[in-house]
Amino acid sequence: MNCKIHHEHYDEIIDKFWPEGFKKTKQRIDIFKILHASETPLSAAEIYNQLLADTSKEQYAFSTIYRTLLAFEKAGIVTKSVLSTEDNAIYELSLGTHKHYAICLSCHKKFPIKACPMHIISEEVNQTLPDFRITGHQLEVYGYCRDCQ
């Protein structure tokens, strides 16, 4: 899942999404790069395993991953979700949009849904519950991917 982006392009990407005053450390940048290269959200364990697999990286303590993800969440760099099929939280970069996923019940792969159907759902909620104000949502779709059918 590693994306082939030249180092100089990462500097531009990081500068674009890095909050003012948020310290740039080697660990934070390494974790940012992994999240940016991923097509789906990752758990802390998945991020840790990718760091371990890259022998050019220094060794990280698992607690460093959690502390970094917590700092990223507080700074608005990542979105944290807990899917009902997952035991652990998953994280993805907050790039100004949000995503929903179809999740395979067999292999647990996550497939991004191209568009958010919330506008249709919110119309139904507004008609049925006119005094209810929606402040957020999470949508998960379950089934079996092509490989697992």
C-alpha atoms as a PDB file:
ATOM      1  CA  MET A   1       0.000   0.000   0.000  1.00  0.00           C
ATOM      2  CA  ASN A   2       2.956   2.320  -0.041  1.00  0.00           C
ATOM      3  CA  CYS A   3       2.428   5.198  -2.395  1.00  0.00           C
ATOM      4  CA  LYS A   4       5.376   6.227  -4.553  1.00  0.00           C
ATOM      5  CA  ILE A   5       5.643   9.944  -3.824  1.00  0.00           C
ATOM      6  CA  HIS A   6       8.950  11.746  -4.028  1.00  0.00           C
ATOM      7  CA  HIS A   7      10.259  13.205  -0.788  1.00  0.00           C
ATOM      8  CA  GLU A   8       9.960  16.800  -1.997  1.00  0.00           C
ATOM      9  CA  HIS A   9       6.257  16.245  -2.732  1.00  0.00           C
ATOM     10  CA  TYR A  10       5.680  15.047   0.836  1.00  0.00           C
ATOM     11  CA  ASP A  11       7.071  18.339   2.144  1.00  0.00           C
ATOM     12  CA  GLU A  12       4.392  20.201   0.161  1.00  0.00           C
ATOM     13  CA  ILE A  13       1.638  17.813   1.296  1.00  0.00           C
ATOM     14  CA  ILE A  14       2.698  18.002   4.930  1.00  0.00           C
ATOM     15  CA  ASP A  15       2.899  21.808   4.827  1.00  0.00           C
ATOM     16  CA  LYS A  16      -0.583  21.976   3.325  1.00  0.00           C
ATOM     17  CA  PHE A  17      -2.235  19.889   6.060  1.00  0.00           C
ATOM     18  CA  TRP A  18       0.018  20.570   9.068  1.00  0.00           C
ATOM     19  CA  PRO A  19      -1.567  22.894  11.667  1.00  0.00           C
ATOM     20  CA  GLU A  20       0.264  26.102  12.552  1.00  0.00           C
ATOM     21  CA  GLY A  21       2.404  25.614  15.653  1.00  0.00           C
ATOM     22  CA  PHE A  22       2.103  21.799  15.619  1.00  0.00           C
ATOM     23  CA  LYS A  23       5.604  20.428  16.069  1.00  0.00           C
ATOM     24  CA  LYS A  24       7.040  18.362  13.194  1.00  0.00           C
ATOM     25  CA  THR A  25       9.006  15.426  14.548  1.00  0.00           C
ATOM     26  CA  LYS A  26      10.472  12.520  12.603  1.00  0.00           C
ATOM     27  CA  GLN A  27       7.981  10.135  14.234  1.00  0.00           C
ATOM     28  CA  ARG A  28       4.994  12.336  13.398  1.00  0.00           C
ATOM     29  CA  ILE A  29       6.112  12.771   9.801  1.00  0.00           C
ATOM     30  CA  ASP A  30       6.689   9.007   9.363  1.00  0.00           C
ATOM     31  CA  ILE A  31       3.187   8.247  10.680  1.00  0.00           C
ATOM     32  CA  PHE A  32       1.677  11.011   8.522  1.00  0.00           C
ATOM     33  CA  LYS A  33       3.310   9.506   5.433  1.00  0.00           C
ATOM     34  CA  ILE A  34       1.894   6.055   6.191  1.00  0.00           C
ATOM     35  CA  LEU A  35      -1.607   7.469   6.664  1.00  0.00           C
ATOM     36  CA  HIS A  36      -1.308   9.548   3.499  1.00  0.00           C
ATOM     37  CA  ALA A  37      -0.214   6.540   1.424  1.00  0.00           C
ATOM     38  CA  SER A  38      -3.049   4.343   2.664  1.00  0.00           C
ATOM     39  CA  GLU A  39      -6.253   4.030   0.676  1.00  0.00           C
ATOM     40  CA  THR A  40      -8.181   2.915   3.752  1.00  0.00           C
ATOM     41  CA  PRO A  41      -8.102   3.850   7.440  1.00  0.00           C
ATOM     42  CA  LEU A  42      -5.485   2.087   9.550  1.00  0.00           C
ATOM     43  CA  SER A  43      -5.361   0.917  13.145  1.00  0.00           C
ATOM     44  CA  ALA A  44      -2.435   1.815  15.366  1.00  0.00           C
ATOM     45  CA  ALA A  45      -1.243  -1.803  15.037  1.00  0.00           C
ATOM     46  CA  GLU A  46      -1.293  -1.599  11.231  1.00  0.00           C
ATOM     47  CA  ILE A  47       0.710   1.645  11.327  1.00  0.00           C
ATOM     48  CA  TYR A  48       3.167   0.072  13.769  1.00  0.00           C
ATOM     49  CA  ASN A  49       3.585  -2.998  11.536  1.00  0.00           C
ATOM     50  CA  GLN A  50       4.281  -0.826   8.489  1.00  0.00           C
ATOM     51  CA  LEU A  51       6.926   1.083  10.445  1.00  0.00           C
ATOM     52  CA  LEU A  52       8.514  -2.218  11.536  1.00  0.00           C
ATOM     53  CA  ALA A  53       8.485  -3.532   7.965  1.00  0.00           C
ATOM     54  CA  ASP A  54      10.442  -0.501   6.756  1.00  0.00           C
ATOM     55  CA  THR A  55      13.958  -1.373   7.845  1.00  0.00           C
ATOM     56  CA  SER A  56      15.177   2.138   7.028  1.00  0.00           C
ATOM     57  CA  LYS A  57      13.039   3.494   9.881  1.00  0.00           C
ATOM     58  CA  GLU A  58      14.183   3.591  13.461  1.00  0.00           C
ATOM     59  CA  GLN A  59      12.328   1.334  15.872  1.00  0.00           C
ATOM     60  CA  TYR A  60       9.217   2.875  17.414  1.00  0.00           C
ATOM     61  CA  ALA A  61       7.525   1.932  20.643  1.00  0.00           C
ATOM     62  CA  PHE A  62       3.880   1.023  20.173  1.00  0.00           C
ATOM     63  CA  SER A  63       2.985   3.687  22.746  1.00  0.00           C
ATOM     64  CA  THR A  64       4.614   6.307  20.485  1.00  0.00           C
ATOM     65  CA  ILE A  65       2.118   5.437  17.754  1.00  0.00           C
ATOM     66  CA  TYR A  66      -0.836   5.889  20.127  1.00  0.00           C
ATOM     67  CA  ARG A  67       0.488   9.169  21.533  1.00  0.00           C
ATOM     68  CA  THR A  68       1.108  10.495  18.023  1.00  0.00           C
ATOM     69  CA  LEU A  69      -2.364   9.485  16.835  1.00  0.00           C
ATOM     70  CA  LEU A  70      -3.925  11.141  19.896  1.00  0.00           C
ATOM     71  CA  ALA A  71      -1.957  14.339  19.172  1.00  0.00           C
ATOM     72  CA  PHE A  72      -2.993  14.143  15.492  1.00  0.00           C
ATOM     73  CA  GLU A  73      -6.636  13.748  16.505  1.00  0.00           C
ATOM     74  CA  LYS A  74      -6.504  16.742  18.869  1.00  0.00           C
ATOM     75  CA  ALA A  75      -4.814  18.820  16.139  1.00  0.00           C
ATOM     76  CA  GLY A  76      -7.431  17.810  13.550  1.00  0.00           C
ATOM     77  CA  ILE A  77      -4.948  15.955  11.343  1.00  0.00           C
ATOM     78  CA  VAL A  78      -6.735  12.599  11.609  1.00  0.00           C
ATOM     79  CA  THR A  79     -10.258  11.336  12.012  1.00  0.00           C
ATOM     80  CA  LYS A  80     -10.717   8.484  14.459  1.00  0.00           C
ATOM     81  CA  SER A  81     -13.493   5.948  13.875  1.00  0.00           C
ATOM     82  CA  VAL A  82     -14.568   2.753  15.523  1.00  0.00           C
ATOM     83  CA  LEU A  83     -16.309   0.461  13.068  1.00  0.00           C
ATOM     84  CA  SER A  84     -18.665  -2.108  14.516  1.00  0.00           C
ATOM     85  CA  THR A  85     -16.624  -4.904  12.900  1.00  0.00           C
ATOM     86  CA  GLU A  86     -13.340  -3.680  14.423  1.00  0.00           C
ATOM     87  CA  ASP A  87     -12.017  -4.136  17.947  1.00  0.00           C
ATOM     88  CA  ASN A  88      -9.709  -1.134  17.643  1.00  0.00           C
ATOM     89  CA  ALA A  89     -10.058   2.424  16.460  1.00  0.00           C
ATOM     90  CA  ILE A  90      -8.973   3.225  12.934  1.00  0.00           C
ATOM     91  CA  TYR A  91      -7.460   6.472  11.712  1.00  0.00           C
ATOM     92  CA  GLU A  92      -7.352   8.351   8.433  1.00  0.00           C
ATOM     93  CA  LEU A  93      -6.141  11.786   7.474  1.00  0.00           C
ATOM     94  CA  SER A  94      -8.672  14.603   7.706  1.00  0.00           C
ATOM     95  CA  LEU A  95      -8.354  16.092   4.255  1.00  0.00           C
ATOM     96  CA  GLY A  96     -11.456  18.249   4.361  1.00  0.00           C
ATOM     97  CA  THR A  97     -13.819  15.449   3.394  1.00  0.00           C
ATOM     98  CA  HIS A  98     -15.035  12.269   5.005  1.00  0.00           C
ATOM     99  CA  LYS A  99     -15.503   8.758   3.693  1.00  0.00           C
ATOM    100  CA  HIS A 100     -17.765   5.821   4.265  1.00  0.00           C
ATOM    101  CA  TYR A 101     -16.818   2.207   3.667  1.00  0.00           C
ATOM    102  CA  ALA A 102     -18.250  -1.081   2.508  1.00  0.00           C
ATOM    103  CA  ILE A 103     -16.678  -3.757   4.680  1.00  0.00           C
ATOM    104  CA  CYS A 104     -16.239  -7.395   3.707  1.00  0.00           C
ATOM    105  CA  LEU A 105     -17.496  -9.690   6.455  1.00  0.00           C
ATOM    106  CA  SER A 106     -15.033 -12.388   5.450  1.00  0.00           C
ATOM    107  CA  CYS A 107     -11.654 -10.739   4.795  1.00  0.00           C
ATOM    108  CA  HIS A 108     -12.484  -7.415   6.565  1.00  0.00           C
ATOM    109  CA  LYS A 109     -11.167  -5.274   3.708  1.00  0.00           C
ATOM    110  CA  LYS A 110     -12.606  -1.768   3.592  1.00  0.00           C
ATOM    111  CA  PHE A 111     -13.764  -0.349   0.259  1.00  0.00           C
ATOM    112  CA  PRO A 112     -14.415   3.405   0.100  1.00  0.00           C
ATOM    113  CA  ILE A 113     -17.867   4.487  -1.068  1.00  0.00           C
ATOM    114  CA  LYS A 114     -17.428   7.280  -3.614  1.00  0.00           C
ATOM    115  CA  ALA A 115     -20.180   9.610  -2.386  1.00  0.00           C
ATOM    116  CA  CYS A 116     -21.824  10.255   0.963  1.00  0.00           C
ATOM    117  CA  PRO A 117     -25.534   9.385   0.838  1.00  0.00           C
ATOM    118  CA  MET A 118     -26.268  11.491   3.914  1.00  0.00           C
ATOM    119  CA  HIS A 119     -28.151  14.185   1.975  1.00  0.00           C
ATOM    120  CA  ILE A 120     -30.815  11.589   1.104  1.00  0.00           C
ATOM    121  CA  ILE A 121     -30.935  10.229   4.645  1.00  0.00           C
ATOM    122  CA  SER A 122     -31.074  13.708   6.220  1.00  0.00           C
ATOM    123  CA  GLU A 123     -34.127  14.596   4.090  1.00  0.00           C
ATOM    124  CA  GLU A 124     -35.897  11.498   5.426  1.00  0.00           C
ATOM    125  CA  VAL A 125     -34.884  12.335   9.013  1.00  0.00           C
ATOM    126  CA  ASN A 126     -36.092  15.941   8.602  1.00  0.00           C
ATOM    127  CA  GLN A 127     -39.475  14.754   7.299  1.00  0.00           C
ATOM    128  CA  THR A 128     -39.911  12.086   9.965  1.00  0.00           C
ATOM    129  CA  LEU A 129     -38.344  13.969  12.912  1.00  0.00           C
ATOM    130  CA  PRO A 130     -38.629  17.711  12.190  1.00  0.00           C
ATOM    131  CA  ASP A 131     -37.394  18.632  15.700  1.00  0.00           C
ATOM    132  CA  PHE A 132     -34.224  16.534  15.402  1.00  0.00           C
ATOM    133  CA  ARG A 133     -30.990  18.316  14.475  1.00  0.00           C
ATOM    134  CA  ILE A 134     -28.317  16.079  12.915  1.00  0.00           C
ATOM    135  CA  THR A 135     -24.786  16.895  14.112  1.00  0.00           C
ATOM    136  CA  GLY A 136     -22.849  13.985  12.661  1.00  0.00           C
ATOM    137  CA  HIS A 137     -23.111  10.552  11.152  1.00  0.00           C
ATOM    138  CA  GLN A 138     -21.303   7.306  10.487  1.00  0.00           C
ATOM    139  CA  LEU A 139     -22.275   4.848   7.793  1.00  0.00           C
ATOM    140  CA  GLU A 140     -21.043   1.286   7.387  1.00  0.00           C
ATOM    141  CA  VAL A 141     -22.178  -1.139   4.709  1.00  0.00           C
ATOM    142  CA  TYR A 142     -21.504  -4.860   5.111  1.00  0.00           C
ATOM    143  CA  GLY A 143     -21.316  -7.716   2.641  1.00  0.00           C
ATOM    144  CA  TYR A 144     -18.826  -9.898   0.815  1.00  0.00           C
ATOM    145  CA  CYS A 145     -16.213  -8.657  -1.638  1.00  0.00           C
ATOM    146  CA  ARG A 146     -15.658 -10.240  -5.027  1.00  0.00           C
ATOM    147  CA  ASP A 147     -12.833 -12.456  -3.718  1.00  0.00           C
ATOM    148  CA  CYS A 148     -14.869 -13.775  -0.775  1.00  0.00           C
ATOM    149  CA  GLN A 149     -18.237 -14.418  -2.437  1.00  0.00           C
END
